[in-house]
Each structure stands twice: as structure tokens, then as C-alpha cells.
N, C-alpha and C. Protein backbone atom coordinates (compact mmCIF):
# COMPACT_ATOMS: atom_id res chain seq x y z
N MET A 1 -26.07 -42.82 -36.32
CA MET A 1 -27.44 -42.48 -36.23
C MET A 1 -27.74 -40.96 -36.64
N GLU A 2 -28.48 -40.91 -37.34
CA GLU A 2 -28.82 -39.36 -37.84
C GLU A 2 -29.66 -38.71 -36.87
N ARG A 3 -29.75 -37.57 -36.73
CA ARG A 3 -30.81 -36.82 -35.78
C ARG A 3 -32.17 -37.35 -35.84
N ASP A 4 -32.93 -37.47 -35.31
CA ASP A 4 -34.66 -37.79 -35.11
C ASP A 4 -34.51 -39.38 -35.31
N SER A 5 -33.34 -40.22 -35.31
CA SER A 5 -33.84 -41.59 -35.76
C SER A 5 -34.23 -42.28 -34.61
N PHE A 6 -35.06 -43.58 -34.98
CA PHE A 6 -35.73 -44.23 -34.09
C PHE A 6 -34.67 -44.98 -33.12
N VAL A 7 -35.06 -44.81 -31.91
CA VAL A 7 -34.24 -45.87 -30.94
C VAL A 7 -34.99 -46.77 -30.33
N THR A 8 -36.29 -46.65 -29.77
CA THR A 8 -36.93 -47.76 -29.33
C THR A 8 -38.21 -47.03 -29.01
N ASN A 9 -39.47 -47.81 -28.70
CA ASN A 9 -40.59 -47.36 -28.24
C ASN A 9 -40.80 -47.68 -26.73
N ILE A 10 -40.79 -46.56 -26.06
CA ILE A 10 -40.87 -46.61 -24.42
C ILE A 10 -41.99 -47.26 -24.20
N ALA A 11 -43.24 -46.79 -24.73
CA ALA A 11 -44.49 -47.55 -24.24
C ALA A 11 -44.42 -48.80 -24.28
N LYS A 12 -44.12 -49.33 -25.79
CA LYS A 12 -44.21 -50.85 -25.79
C LYS A 12 -43.14 -51.31 -24.88
N ASP A 13 -41.87 -50.68 -24.44
CA ASP A 13 -41.06 -51.68 -23.54
C ASP A 13 -41.37 -51.50 -22.40
N LEU A 14 -42.25 -50.66 -21.94
CA LEU A 14 -42.77 -50.72 -20.39
C LEU A 14 -44.12 -51.32 -20.31
N GLY A 15 -44.62 -51.59 -21.53
CA GLY A 15 -45.94 -52.19 -21.44
C GLY A 15 -46.93 -51.48 -21.18
N VAL A 16 -47.12 -50.19 -21.47
CA VAL A 16 -48.15 -49.24 -21.14
C VAL A 16 -48.61 -48.43 -22.59
N SER A 17 -49.57 -47.78 -22.76
CA SER A 17 -50.08 -47.11 -23.73
C SER A 17 -49.40 -45.71 -23.89
N PRO A 18 -49.33 -45.28 -24.87
CA PRO A 18 -48.80 -43.83 -24.83
C PRO A 18 -49.58 -42.65 -24.22
N SER A 19 -51.05 -42.92 -24.00
CA SER A 19 -51.85 -42.12 -23.35
C SER A 19 -51.19 -42.07 -21.67
N HIS A 20 -50.83 -43.32 -21.40
CA HIS A 20 -50.29 -43.49 -20.04
C HIS A 20 -49.18 -42.53 -19.61
N LEU A 21 -48.18 -42.56 -20.96
CA LEU A 21 -47.09 -41.66 -20.43
C LEU A 21 -47.68 -40.20 -20.68
N VAL A 22 -48.43 -39.77 -21.42
CA VAL A 22 -48.90 -38.21 -21.25
C VAL A 22 -49.48 -37.99 -20.00
N ALA A 23 -50.50 -39.09 -19.52
CA ALA A 23 -51.20 -38.61 -18.27
C ALA A 23 -50.02 -38.56 -16.97
N ARG A 24 -48.89 -39.29 -17.24
CA ARG A 24 -48.02 -39.41 -16.09
C ARG A 24 -46.79 -38.46 -16.36
N LYS A 25 -46.91 -37.59 -17.51
CA LYS A 25 -45.72 -36.66 -17.87
C LYS A 25 -44.39 -37.00 -17.86
N ALA A 26 -44.54 -38.15 -18.61
CA ALA A 26 -43.21 -39.13 -18.84
C ALA A 26 -42.29 -37.86 -19.63
N ARG A 27 -41.24 -38.12 -19.10
CA ARG A 27 -40.00 -37.12 -19.68
C ARG A 27 -38.76 -37.96 -19.63
N VAL A 28 -37.59 -37.68 -20.67
CA VAL A 28 -36.53 -38.39 -20.65
C VAL A 28 -35.49 -37.39 -20.38
N VAL A 29 -34.35 -38.06 -19.63
CA VAL A 29 -33.35 -37.42 -19.18
C VAL A 29 -31.84 -38.08 -19.44
N SER A 30 -30.98 -37.77 -19.86
CA SER A 30 -29.69 -38.33 -20.31
C SER A 30 -28.48 -38.09 -19.07
N ASP A 31 -27.92 -39.47 -18.80
CA ASP A 31 -26.76 -38.82 -17.91
C ASP A 31 -25.80 -38.12 -18.72
N GLY A 32 -24.99 -37.15 -17.65
CA GLY A 32 -24.23 -36.23 -18.09
C GLY A 32 -24.96 -35.14 -18.63
N ASN A 33 -24.23 -34.00 -19.20
CA ASN A 33 -24.74 -32.64 -19.37
C ASN A 33 -25.49 -32.64 -20.69
N GLU A 34 -25.27 -33.30 -21.64
CA GLU A 34 -25.98 -33.30 -23.16
C GLU A 34 -27.13 -34.17 -22.97
N GLN A 35 -28.00 -33.59 -23.48
CA GLN A 35 -29.46 -34.32 -23.67
C GLN A 35 -29.45 -35.19 -25.06
N LEU A 36 -29.15 -36.34 -25.18
CA LEU A 36 -29.10 -37.39 -26.36
C LEU A 36 -30.20 -37.69 -26.77
N PHE A 37 -31.40 -37.64 -26.14
CA PHE A 37 -32.54 -38.42 -26.73
C PHE A 37 -33.85 -37.41 -26.45
N ARG A 38 -34.76 -37.72 -27.17
CA ARG A 38 -36.01 -36.85 -27.26
C ARG A 38 -37.11 -38.24 -27.22
N LEU A 39 -38.24 -37.83 -26.09
CA LEU A 39 -39.20 -38.81 -26.06
C LEU A 39 -40.64 -37.95 -26.64
N ASN A 40 -41.31 -38.69 -27.47
CA ASN A 40 -42.38 -38.14 -27.70
C ASN A 40 -43.61 -38.95 -27.11
N GLN A 41 -44.35 -38.21 -26.13
CA GLN A 41 -45.33 -38.87 -25.19
C GLN A 41 -46.28 -39.33 -25.90
N ASN A 42 -46.65 -38.78 -27.20
CA ASN A 42 -47.99 -39.19 -27.68
C ASN A 42 -47.95 -40.28 -28.37
N THR A 43 -46.86 -40.75 -28.90
CA THR A 43 -46.21 -41.90 -29.43
C THR A 43 -45.55 -43.08 -28.70
N GLY A 44 -44.90 -42.66 -27.59
CA GLY A 44 -44.00 -43.29 -26.92
C GLY A 44 -42.66 -43.59 -27.58
N VAL A 45 -42.31 -43.00 -28.39
CA VAL A 45 -41.26 -43.37 -29.32
C VAL A 45 -39.98 -42.43 -28.66
N LEU A 46 -38.78 -43.28 -28.54
CA LEU A 46 -37.45 -42.39 -27.98
C LEU A 46 -36.67 -42.22 -29.30
N THR A 47 -36.46 -41.21 -29.70
CA THR A 47 -35.28 -40.80 -30.89
C THR A 47 -34.11 -40.27 -30.42
N ALA A 48 -33.37 -40.03 -31.22
CA ALA A 48 -31.98 -39.48 -31.14
C ALA A 48 -32.29 -38.02 -31.28
N LYS A 49 -31.90 -37.34 -30.26
CA LYS A 49 -31.86 -35.79 -30.26
C LYS A 49 -30.87 -35.13 -31.31
N ASN A 50 -29.77 -35.58 -31.49
CA ASN A 50 -29.03 -35.33 -32.53
C ASN A 50 -28.27 -36.42 -33.17
N SER A 51 -27.45 -36.30 -34.22
CA SER A 51 -26.71 -37.55 -34.79
C SER A 51 -25.86 -37.94 -33.71
N LEU A 52 -25.56 -39.35 -33.63
CA LEU A 52 -24.59 -39.82 -32.48
C LEU A 52 -23.60 -40.44 -33.20
N ASP A 53 -22.61 -39.74 -32.56
CA ASP A 53 -21.07 -40.27 -33.49
C ASP A 53 -20.44 -40.96 -32.46
N ARG A 54 -20.20 -42.23 -32.61
CA ARG A 54 -19.63 -43.41 -31.36
C ARG A 54 -18.29 -42.56 -30.95
N GLU A 55 -17.45 -42.15 -32.08
CA GLU A 55 -16.07 -41.74 -31.74
C GLU A 55 -16.12 -40.23 -31.18
N LYS A 56 -16.86 -39.63 -31.12
CA LYS A 56 -17.00 -38.38 -30.25
C LYS A 56 -17.61 -38.59 -28.62
N ILE A 57 -18.62 -39.74 -28.44
CA ILE A 57 -19.20 -40.06 -27.32
C ILE A 57 -18.41 -40.89 -26.64
N CYS A 58 -17.67 -41.91 -27.25
CA CYS A 58 -16.81 -42.81 -26.50
C CYS A 58 -15.41 -42.89 -27.15
N PRO A 59 -14.76 -42.13 -27.31
CA PRO A 59 -13.40 -42.03 -28.08
C PRO A 59 -12.37 -43.53 -27.51
N GLN A 60 -12.19 -44.11 -28.66
CA GLN A 60 -11.24 -45.34 -28.31
C GLN A 60 -11.52 -46.12 -27.09
N SER A 61 -12.88 -46.02 -27.03
CA SER A 61 -13.30 -47.36 -25.96
C SER A 61 -14.08 -48.38 -26.71
N ASP A 62 -13.85 -49.70 -26.30
CA ASP A 62 -14.31 -50.79 -27.13
C ASP A 62 -16.11 -50.73 -26.84
N SER A 63 -16.46 -50.49 -25.51
CA SER A 63 -17.66 -50.55 -25.55
C SER A 63 -18.29 -49.21 -25.38
N CYS A 64 -19.66 -48.73 -25.73
CA CYS A 64 -20.15 -47.63 -25.77
C CYS A 64 -21.59 -47.67 -25.35
N THR A 65 -21.76 -47.30 -23.93
CA THR A 65 -23.00 -47.43 -23.42
C THR A 65 -23.88 -46.29 -23.00
N LEU A 66 -24.82 -45.63 -23.26
CA LEU A 66 -25.76 -44.65 -23.01
C LEU A 66 -26.55 -44.88 -22.14
N VAL A 67 -26.70 -44.11 -20.78
CA VAL A 67 -27.40 -44.30 -19.94
C VAL A 67 -28.70 -43.34 -19.91
N PHE A 68 -29.67 -43.56 -19.69
CA PHE A 68 -30.85 -42.67 -19.77
C PHE A 68 -31.91 -42.86 -18.71
N LYS A 69 -32.88 -42.29 -18.36
CA LYS A 69 -33.48 -42.22 -17.28
C LYS A 69 -35.15 -41.60 -17.88
N ILE A 70 -36.09 -42.47 -17.52
CA ILE A 70 -37.49 -42.03 -17.91
C ILE A 70 -38.14 -41.63 -16.49
N PHE A 71 -38.34 -40.24 -16.40
CA PHE A 71 -39.22 -39.99 -15.36
C PHE A 71 -40.79 -40.17 -15.44
N LEU A 72 -41.32 -40.59 -14.48
CA LEU A 72 -43.00 -40.38 -14.54
C LEU A 72 -43.52 -39.80 -13.45
N GLU A 73 -44.39 -38.94 -13.41
CA GLU A 73 -45.06 -38.56 -12.26
C GLU A 73 -46.29 -39.21 -11.99
N ASN A 74 -46.84 -38.79 -10.74
CA ASN A 74 -48.05 -39.19 -10.12
C ASN A 74 -48.45 -40.86 -10.17
N PRO A 75 -48.04 -41.64 -9.83
CA PRO A 75 -46.99 -41.28 -8.49
C PRO A 75 -45.48 -41.53 -9.17
N LEU A 76 -44.73 -40.59 -8.65
CA LEU A 76 -43.42 -40.76 -9.28
C LEU A 76 -42.58 -41.84 -9.08
N GLN A 77 -41.89 -42.21 -10.72
CA GLN A 77 -41.36 -43.42 -10.70
C GLN A 77 -39.98 -43.43 -11.91
N LEU A 78 -38.97 -43.71 -11.44
CA LEU A 78 -37.75 -43.68 -12.32
C LEU A 78 -37.69 -44.93 -13.19
N VAL A 79 -37.38 -44.85 -14.28
CA VAL A 79 -36.97 -46.15 -15.07
C VAL A 79 -35.94 -45.91 -15.70
N ARG A 80 -34.90 -46.74 -15.70
CA ARG A 80 -33.40 -46.72 -16.06
C ARG A 80 -33.28 -47.43 -17.54
N GLY A 81 -32.70 -46.71 -18.47
CA GLY A 81 -32.46 -47.43 -19.77
C GLY A 81 -31.24 -47.41 -20.46
N GLU A 82 -30.73 -48.02 -21.31
CA GLU A 82 -29.38 -48.05 -21.52
C GLU A 82 -29.51 -48.35 -22.99
N VAL A 83 -28.77 -47.53 -23.84
CA VAL A 83 -28.67 -47.83 -25.36
C VAL A 83 -27.01 -48.34 -25.57
N GLU A 84 -26.80 -49.11 -26.40
CA GLU A 84 -25.36 -49.66 -26.68
C GLU A 84 -25.34 -49.00 -28.06
N VAL A 85 -24.08 -47.92 -28.41
CA VAL A 85 -23.83 -47.44 -29.67
C VAL A 85 -22.85 -48.24 -30.16
N ARG A 86 -23.13 -48.89 -31.14
CA ARG A 86 -22.37 -50.08 -32.00
C ARG A 86 -21.42 -49.27 -33.05
N ASP A 87 -19.83 -49.70 -32.98
CA ASP A 87 -19.04 -49.06 -33.93
C ASP A 87 -19.49 -49.43 -35.33
N VAL A 88 -19.43 -48.74 -36.57
CA VAL A 88 -19.46 -49.05 -37.92
C VAL A 88 -18.08 -48.30 -38.32
N ASN A 89 -17.60 -48.95 -39.32
CA ASN A 89 -16.39 -48.64 -40.11
C ASN A 89 -16.59 -47.53 -40.88
N ASP A 90 -16.48 -46.34 -40.38
CA ASP A 90 -16.69 -44.84 -40.92
C ASP A 90 -15.19 -44.23 -40.91
N ASN A 91 -14.46 -44.68 -40.35
CA ASN A 91 -13.16 -43.96 -40.39
C ASN A 91 -11.82 -44.93 -40.91
N SER A 92 -11.00 -44.07 -41.90
CA SER A 92 -9.69 -44.92 -42.52
C SER A 92 -8.87 -44.72 -41.34
N PRO A 93 -7.75 -45.71 -41.50
CA PRO A 93 -6.65 -45.40 -40.87
C PRO A 93 -5.83 -44.16 -41.44
N VAL A 94 -5.06 -43.27 -40.45
CA VAL A 94 -4.48 -42.17 -40.96
C VAL A 94 -3.33 -42.15 -40.39
N PHE A 95 -2.21 -41.82 -41.19
CA PHE A 95 -1.17 -41.48 -40.66
C PHE A 95 -0.63 -40.12 -40.01
N PRO A 96 -0.02 -39.82 -39.46
CA PRO A 96 0.20 -38.62 -38.64
C PRO A 96 0.96 -37.47 -39.76
N GLU A 97 1.73 -37.93 -40.49
CA GLU A 97 2.28 -37.25 -41.78
C GLU A 97 2.34 -38.00 -42.87
N LYS A 98 1.99 -37.32 -44.09
CA LYS A 98 1.68 -38.05 -45.62
C LYS A 98 3.16 -38.43 -45.88
N GLU A 99 4.29 -37.95 -45.15
CA GLU A 99 5.72 -38.63 -45.65
C GLU A 99 6.28 -38.70 -44.26
N MET A 100 7.36 -39.69 -44.08
CA MET A 100 7.99 -40.00 -43.07
C MET A 100 9.60 -39.84 -43.69
N VAL A 101 10.30 -39.37 -43.36
CA VAL A 101 11.80 -39.48 -43.69
C VAL A 101 12.69 -40.00 -42.59
N LEU A 102 13.42 -41.04 -43.20
CA LEU A 102 14.36 -41.97 -42.54
C LEU A 102 15.80 -41.61 -43.30
N GLU A 103 16.76 -41.29 -42.13
CA GLU A 103 18.10 -41.14 -42.58
C GLU A 103 18.81 -42.49 -42.22
N ILE A 104 19.20 -43.34 -43.01
CA ILE A 104 20.09 -44.59 -42.60
C ILE A 104 21.30 -44.61 -43.28
N LEU A 105 22.19 -44.92 -42.44
CA LEU A 105 23.79 -45.05 -42.78
C LEU A 105 23.98 -46.11 -43.75
N GLU A 106 24.78 -46.11 -45.24
CA GLU A 106 24.71 -47.17 -45.60
C GLU A 106 25.61 -48.42 -45.06
N THR A 107 26.34 -48.06 -44.17
CA THR A 107 26.82 -49.21 -43.21
C THR A 107 25.88 -49.97 -42.46
N ALA A 108 24.41 -49.54 -42.68
CA ALA A 108 23.69 -50.43 -41.58
C ALA A 108 23.66 -51.81 -42.26
N SER A 109 23.55 -52.74 -41.24
CA SER A 109 23.72 -54.08 -41.55
C SER A 109 22.43 -54.82 -41.52
N PRO A 110 22.13 -55.81 -42.95
CA PRO A 110 20.92 -56.32 -42.84
C PRO A 110 20.27 -57.03 -41.52
N GLY A 111 19.21 -56.67 -41.30
CA GLY A 111 18.41 -57.13 -40.08
C GLY A 111 18.09 -55.95 -39.11
N SER A 112 18.79 -54.78 -39.59
CA SER A 112 18.40 -53.41 -38.78
C SER A 112 17.29 -53.15 -38.73
N ARG A 113 16.36 -52.72 -37.96
CA ARG A 113 15.14 -52.33 -37.74
C ARG A 113 15.19 -50.89 -37.43
N PHE A 114 14.16 -50.29 -38.40
CA PHE A 114 13.80 -48.85 -38.28
C PHE A 114 12.01 -48.56 -37.81
N PRO A 115 11.54 -48.11 -36.43
CA PRO A 115 10.35 -48.04 -36.51
C PRO A 115 9.71 -47.05 -37.19
N LEU A 116 8.53 -47.25 -37.82
CA LEU A 116 7.78 -46.13 -38.41
C LEU A 116 6.75 -45.59 -37.63
N GLU A 117 6.35 -44.36 -37.84
CA GLU A 117 5.24 -43.64 -37.30
C GLU A 117 3.93 -44.70 -37.26
N SER A 118 3.09 -44.84 -36.36
CA SER A 118 1.95 -45.47 -36.26
C SER A 118 0.67 -44.99 -37.03
N ALA A 119 -0.29 -45.47 -37.80
CA ALA A 119 -1.52 -44.78 -38.18
C ALA A 119 -2.41 -44.86 -37.06
N GLN A 120 -3.26 -43.94 -36.93
CA GLN A 120 -4.12 -43.73 -35.89
C GLN A 120 -5.74 -44.20 -36.76
N ASP A 121 -6.49 -45.09 -36.05
CA ASP A 121 -8.01 -45.12 -36.73
C ASP A 121 -8.88 -44.92 -35.48
N GLN A 122 -9.84 -43.99 -35.51
CA GLN A 122 -10.70 -43.79 -34.44
C GLN A 122 -11.84 -44.65 -34.45
N ASP A 123 -11.76 -45.57 -35.21
CA ASP A 123 -12.67 -46.98 -35.22
C ASP A 123 -11.98 -47.89 -34.04
N VAL A 124 -12.94 -48.95 -33.44
CA VAL A 124 -12.33 -49.82 -32.66
C VAL A 124 -12.73 -51.13 -32.97
N GLY A 125 -12.06 -52.00 -32.15
CA GLY A 125 -12.44 -53.52 -32.25
C GLY A 125 -11.84 -54.04 -33.90
N SER A 126 -12.74 -54.68 -34.14
CA SER A 126 -12.34 -55.23 -35.64
C SER A 126 -12.45 -54.05 -36.85
N ASN A 127 -13.07 -53.09 -36.38
CA ASN A 127 -13.24 -51.84 -37.37
C ASN A 127 -12.03 -51.11 -37.28
N GLY A 128 -11.03 -51.28 -36.30
CA GLY A 128 -9.79 -50.16 -36.02
C GLY A 128 -8.58 -50.80 -36.92
N LEU A 129 -7.61 -50.38 -36.74
CA LEU A 129 -6.45 -50.78 -37.49
C LEU A 129 -5.85 -52.09 -37.12
N GLN A 130 -5.90 -52.83 -38.36
CA GLN A 130 -5.51 -54.61 -38.17
C GLN A 130 -4.21 -54.65 -38.63
N ASN A 131 -3.69 -54.01 -39.77
CA ASN A 131 -2.57 -54.21 -40.46
C ASN A 131 -1.92 -53.39 -41.16
N TYR A 132 -0.63 -53.66 -41.63
CA TYR A 132 0.27 -52.70 -42.30
C TYR A 132 0.95 -53.65 -43.49
N SER A 133 0.96 -52.93 -44.59
CA SER A 133 2.03 -53.50 -45.69
C SER A 133 2.72 -52.49 -46.21
N LEU A 134 3.52 -52.99 -46.90
CA LEU A 134 4.57 -52.40 -47.80
C LEU A 134 4.91 -52.45 -49.23
N GLY A 135 4.92 -51.38 -49.78
CA GLY A 135 5.27 -51.55 -51.47
C GLY A 135 6.40 -52.50 -51.66
N SER A 136 6.17 -53.06 -52.74
CA SER A 136 7.28 -53.66 -53.17
C SER A 136 8.78 -53.21 -53.57
N ASN A 137 9.65 -53.70 -52.88
CA ASN A 137 11.01 -52.79 -53.07
C ASN A 137 12.12 -53.98 -52.74
N SER A 138 13.40 -53.56 -53.08
CA SER A 138 14.54 -54.64 -53.13
C SER A 138 15.46 -54.62 -51.79
N HIS A 139 15.10 -53.38 -50.77
CA HIS A 139 15.91 -53.68 -49.74
C HIS A 139 15.15 -53.73 -48.22
N PHE A 140 13.98 -53.74 -48.14
CA PHE A 140 13.36 -53.78 -46.80
C PHE A 140 12.08 -54.54 -47.15
N SER A 141 11.81 -55.02 -45.75
CA SER A 141 10.57 -55.89 -45.52
C SER A 141 10.00 -55.01 -44.50
N LEU A 142 8.84 -55.64 -44.09
CA LEU A 142 7.98 -54.82 -43.02
C LEU A 142 7.81 -56.09 -41.77
N SER A 143 7.95 -55.45 -40.76
CA SER A 143 7.90 -56.30 -39.31
C SER A 143 6.75 -55.59 -38.39
N LEU A 144 5.75 -56.61 -38.21
CA LEU A 144 4.75 -55.94 -37.63
C LEU A 144 4.63 -56.43 -36.30
N GLU A 145 4.36 -55.50 -35.16
CA GLU A 145 4.50 -55.55 -33.75
C GLU A 145 3.31 -55.37 -32.96
N THR A 146 3.04 -55.77 -31.83
CA THR A 146 1.92 -55.32 -31.00
C THR A 146 2.42 -54.68 -29.87
N GLY A 147 2.05 -53.48 -29.32
CA GLY A 147 2.54 -53.00 -27.93
C GLY A 147 1.82 -53.70 -26.86
N LYS A 148 2.21 -53.12 -25.66
CA LYS A 148 1.45 -53.73 -24.55
C LYS A 148 0.18 -53.28 -24.42
N ASN A 149 0.08 -52.08 -25.12
CA ASN A 149 -1.62 -51.64 -24.95
C ASN A 149 -2.28 -52.17 -26.22
N GLY A 150 -1.72 -53.18 -26.82
CA GLY A 150 -2.41 -53.79 -27.93
C GLY A 150 -2.67 -53.07 -29.50
N LYS A 151 -1.73 -51.98 -29.28
CA LYS A 151 -1.81 -51.09 -30.56
C LYS A 151 -0.73 -51.78 -31.64
N LYS A 152 -1.24 -51.78 -32.78
CA LYS A 152 -0.06 -52.26 -33.88
C LYS A 152 0.73 -51.33 -34.30
N TYR A 153 1.98 -51.81 -34.45
CA TYR A 153 3.00 -50.70 -35.24
C TYR A 153 3.87 -51.63 -36.17
N ALA A 154 4.37 -50.89 -36.84
CA ALA A 154 5.32 -51.49 -38.09
C ALA A 154 6.83 -50.72 -37.85
N GLU A 155 7.77 -51.80 -38.59
CA GLU A 155 9.14 -51.66 -38.25
C GLU A 155 9.54 -51.73 -39.85
N LEU A 156 10.38 -51.32 -40.28
CA LEU A 156 11.27 -51.62 -41.64
C LEU A 156 12.32 -52.41 -41.16
N VAL A 157 12.45 -53.42 -41.72
CA VAL A 157 13.67 -54.46 -41.67
C VAL A 157 14.68 -54.47 -42.71
N LEU A 158 15.74 -53.84 -42.63
CA LEU A 158 16.93 -54.13 -43.90
C LEU A 158 17.06 -55.31 -44.20
N GLN A 159 16.79 -55.62 -45.51
CA GLN A 159 17.09 -56.87 -46.30
C GLN A 159 18.34 -57.08 -46.74
N ARG A 160 19.02 -55.87 -47.43
CA ARG A 160 20.02 -56.09 -48.38
C ARG A 160 20.77 -54.85 -47.90
N GLN A 161 21.92 -54.74 -48.04
CA GLN A 161 22.92 -53.32 -47.63
C GLN A 161 22.58 -52.47 -48.77
N LEU A 162 22.59 -51.25 -48.04
CA LEU A 162 22.32 -50.07 -49.01
C LEU A 162 23.65 -49.60 -49.31
N ASP A 163 23.53 -49.02 -50.52
CA ASP A 163 24.72 -48.41 -51.25
C ASP A 163 24.56 -46.94 -51.66
N ARG A 164 25.01 -45.90 -50.96
CA ARG A 164 24.42 -44.41 -51.14
C ARG A 164 25.30 -44.25 -52.75
N GLU A 165 26.33 -44.69 -53.34
CA GLU A 165 26.72 -44.41 -54.74
C GLU A 165 26.05 -45.09 -55.82
N GLU A 166 25.03 -45.91 -55.35
CA GLU A 166 24.08 -46.59 -56.18
C GLU A 166 22.87 -45.96 -56.04
N GLN A 167 22.49 -45.76 -55.00
CA GLN A 167 20.96 -44.93 -54.89
C GLN A 167 21.14 -44.15 -53.72
N ARG A 168 20.89 -42.82 -53.52
CA ARG A 168 20.98 -41.96 -52.56
C ARG A 168 19.68 -41.89 -51.69
N GLU A 169 18.48 -42.14 -52.34
CA GLU A 169 17.29 -42.13 -51.96
C GLU A 169 16.25 -43.04 -52.64
N MET A 170 15.21 -43.55 -51.74
CA MET A 170 14.31 -44.28 -52.23
C MET A 170 13.01 -43.88 -51.48
N ASN A 171 11.89 -44.46 -52.34
CA ASN A 171 10.30 -44.08 -51.72
C ASN A 171 9.88 -45.30 -51.82
N LEU A 172 9.38 -45.51 -50.41
CA LEU A 172 8.43 -46.60 -50.24
C LEU A 172 7.09 -46.30 -49.77
N LEU A 173 6.28 -46.95 -50.17
CA LEU A 173 4.69 -46.78 -49.97
C LEU A 173 4.06 -47.86 -48.67
N ILE A 174 3.70 -47.23 -47.44
CA ILE A 174 3.44 -48.11 -46.57
C ILE A 174 1.45 -47.75 -46.39
N THR A 175 1.00 -49.00 -46.27
CA THR A 175 -0.37 -48.77 -46.30
C THR A 175 -0.74 -49.27 -44.80
N ALA A 176 -1.85 -48.59 -44.22
CA ALA A 176 -2.56 -49.15 -42.92
C ALA A 176 -3.91 -49.63 -43.37
N THR A 177 -4.43 -50.72 -42.74
CA THR A 177 -5.76 -51.12 -43.31
C THR A 177 -6.39 -51.59 -42.07
N ASP A 178 -7.95 -51.35 -41.94
CA ASP A 178 -8.53 -51.88 -40.92
C ASP A 178 -9.33 -53.12 -41.11
N GLY A 179 -10.25 -53.42 -40.20
CA GLY A 179 -10.66 -54.67 -40.21
C GLY A 179 -12.19 -54.74 -40.88
N GLY A 180 -12.61 -53.35 -41.27
CA GLY A 180 -13.94 -53.70 -41.67
C GLY A 180 -14.29 -54.35 -42.62
N SER A 181 -15.33 -54.28 -43.18
CA SER A 181 -16.01 -54.84 -44.22
C SER A 181 -17.03 -53.76 -45.00
N PRO A 182 -16.79 -53.25 -45.90
CA PRO A 182 -15.15 -53.50 -46.61
C PRO A 182 -14.18 -52.64 -45.85
N PRO A 183 -12.99 -53.20 -46.19
CA PRO A 183 -11.85 -52.53 -45.21
C PRO A 183 -11.46 -50.98 -45.74
N ARG A 184 -11.16 -50.41 -44.90
CA ARG A 184 -10.53 -49.00 -45.34
C ARG A 184 -9.10 -48.96 -45.18
N SER A 185 -8.49 -48.06 -45.71
CA SER A 185 -6.96 -47.94 -45.59
C SER A 185 -6.55 -46.52 -46.15
N GLY A 186 -5.63 -46.34 -45.43
CA GLY A 186 -4.77 -45.01 -45.25
C GLY A 186 -3.16 -45.25 -45.74
N THR A 187 -2.53 -44.31 -46.50
CA THR A 187 -1.08 -44.79 -46.72
C THR A 187 -0.17 -43.42 -46.62
N ALA A 188 1.16 -43.78 -46.45
CA ALA A 188 1.96 -42.66 -46.28
C ALA A 188 3.24 -43.00 -47.36
N GLN A 189 4.04 -42.08 -47.50
CA GLN A 189 5.11 -42.39 -47.99
C GLN A 189 6.53 -42.35 -47.42
N VAL A 190 7.51 -43.31 -47.28
CA VAL A 190 8.42 -43.31 -46.59
C VAL A 190 9.82 -43.10 -47.34
N ARG A 191 10.48 -42.06 -46.87
CA ARG A 191 11.65 -41.57 -47.96
C ARG A 191 12.52 -42.01 -47.22
N ILE A 192 13.59 -42.68 -47.52
CA ILE A 192 14.85 -43.25 -47.08
C ILE A 192 16.08 -42.48 -47.80
N VAL A 193 16.64 -41.81 -46.71
CA VAL A 193 18.00 -41.29 -47.25
C VAL A 193 18.95 -41.58 -46.85
N VAL A 194 19.95 -42.21 -47.83
CA VAL A 194 20.89 -43.08 -47.61
C VAL A 194 22.14 -42.20 -47.40
N LEU A 195 22.81 -42.17 -46.13
CA LEU A 195 23.99 -41.21 -45.58
C LEU A 195 25.21 -42.09 -46.03
N ASP A 196 26.37 -41.22 -46.31
CA ASP A 196 27.52 -41.74 -46.74
C ASP A 196 28.31 -42.39 -45.26
């Protein structure tokens, strides 16, 4: 959400008129050090004080709930509220390096596995990293694995014996895709150096 975006109408939520909020000197306070919301007493409208970026507020967390309190004076009353910040697919998966270099002996047997660096996606849940794919080639396939932490990673699996005299190097393209709609993706080059 951008700065000054509408969040809710506190007067309607509390079932009071905006003049009631003015008379009781209503004000909003966010949990934590940063004030995230602004209350207009004259209208009862609560807005985002600054733009809300879920990835900055709740990095790599599946749920993101912001707590605020409305203070009313005469008599003193405290009303607690929560705002759920939902993830949108605004980040693409990114590999740590644009090129990965793997040195593989030409004597490596078919079925040998070679772990690849994982892509990172700041989005979570279905908007986060979901799949990897490998560009077409005659020597390798891709195996997708899920770690104990639930993160997906990929390994190259040798399908056909390498021959350095036939081909000293080969370049493969790996693509990481998220589950957003539409999906976003990121790519990296995998350079295979065949060792004698």
C-alpha cells in the first residue's frame, strides 16, 4: 500500500461518530518504534502513514499482522486493532550469482548429482519460489528437492557420460519460478567445466 492509503474507518468500526473521536481526543499508536498509521479524527479514517512493504515489515514470515491501539480520553479507553498485511507477488526469484561454475570430472558416472545454488524470493507462500527448470541439453537433467526448512533446491543429475575431448565446456540455463499470478522468474547461467 502506498502512503496515505485507506486502511479502515475507525468511527464506523467502533460505532461512533467522528465528532465523538474529536471530543475524546482519539489518537493511534502502533506497536513497536515506528508509527505505521495515521488517524484523521474529523473523519475517523485510519490511513497508512508510509507505504507498507510486507517484505520489510515481516521478512520471510508466512503471516504479517500489525497491531495498533486507539487511545480515547475522558474516560480513558484503549481499543486494540490488527491489520493483516497480505503478500502480493512483487518480487522475482533471484540467484545469488548470475553464473555458477561447476567443475566436473569426465569420469563422473551417470546418476552423479551436483547441487546448485538456490534462488531467493522475498515473497512467501504461493507467491514464493515454487519450481526450477533447466534449459534443454544432452547431458543433464534437474532434480528438485525440498529441505527440512521447506525450501526448494535443485541438483543437476548427470544423464550421459562427459567427454572432455568432445566438449570442454557447456552452458546451461536454470530458471527459478514463483507461484504468483502471473508467475515471476529469475535465471542463472550454469557453466560446466569438464576436467580431464
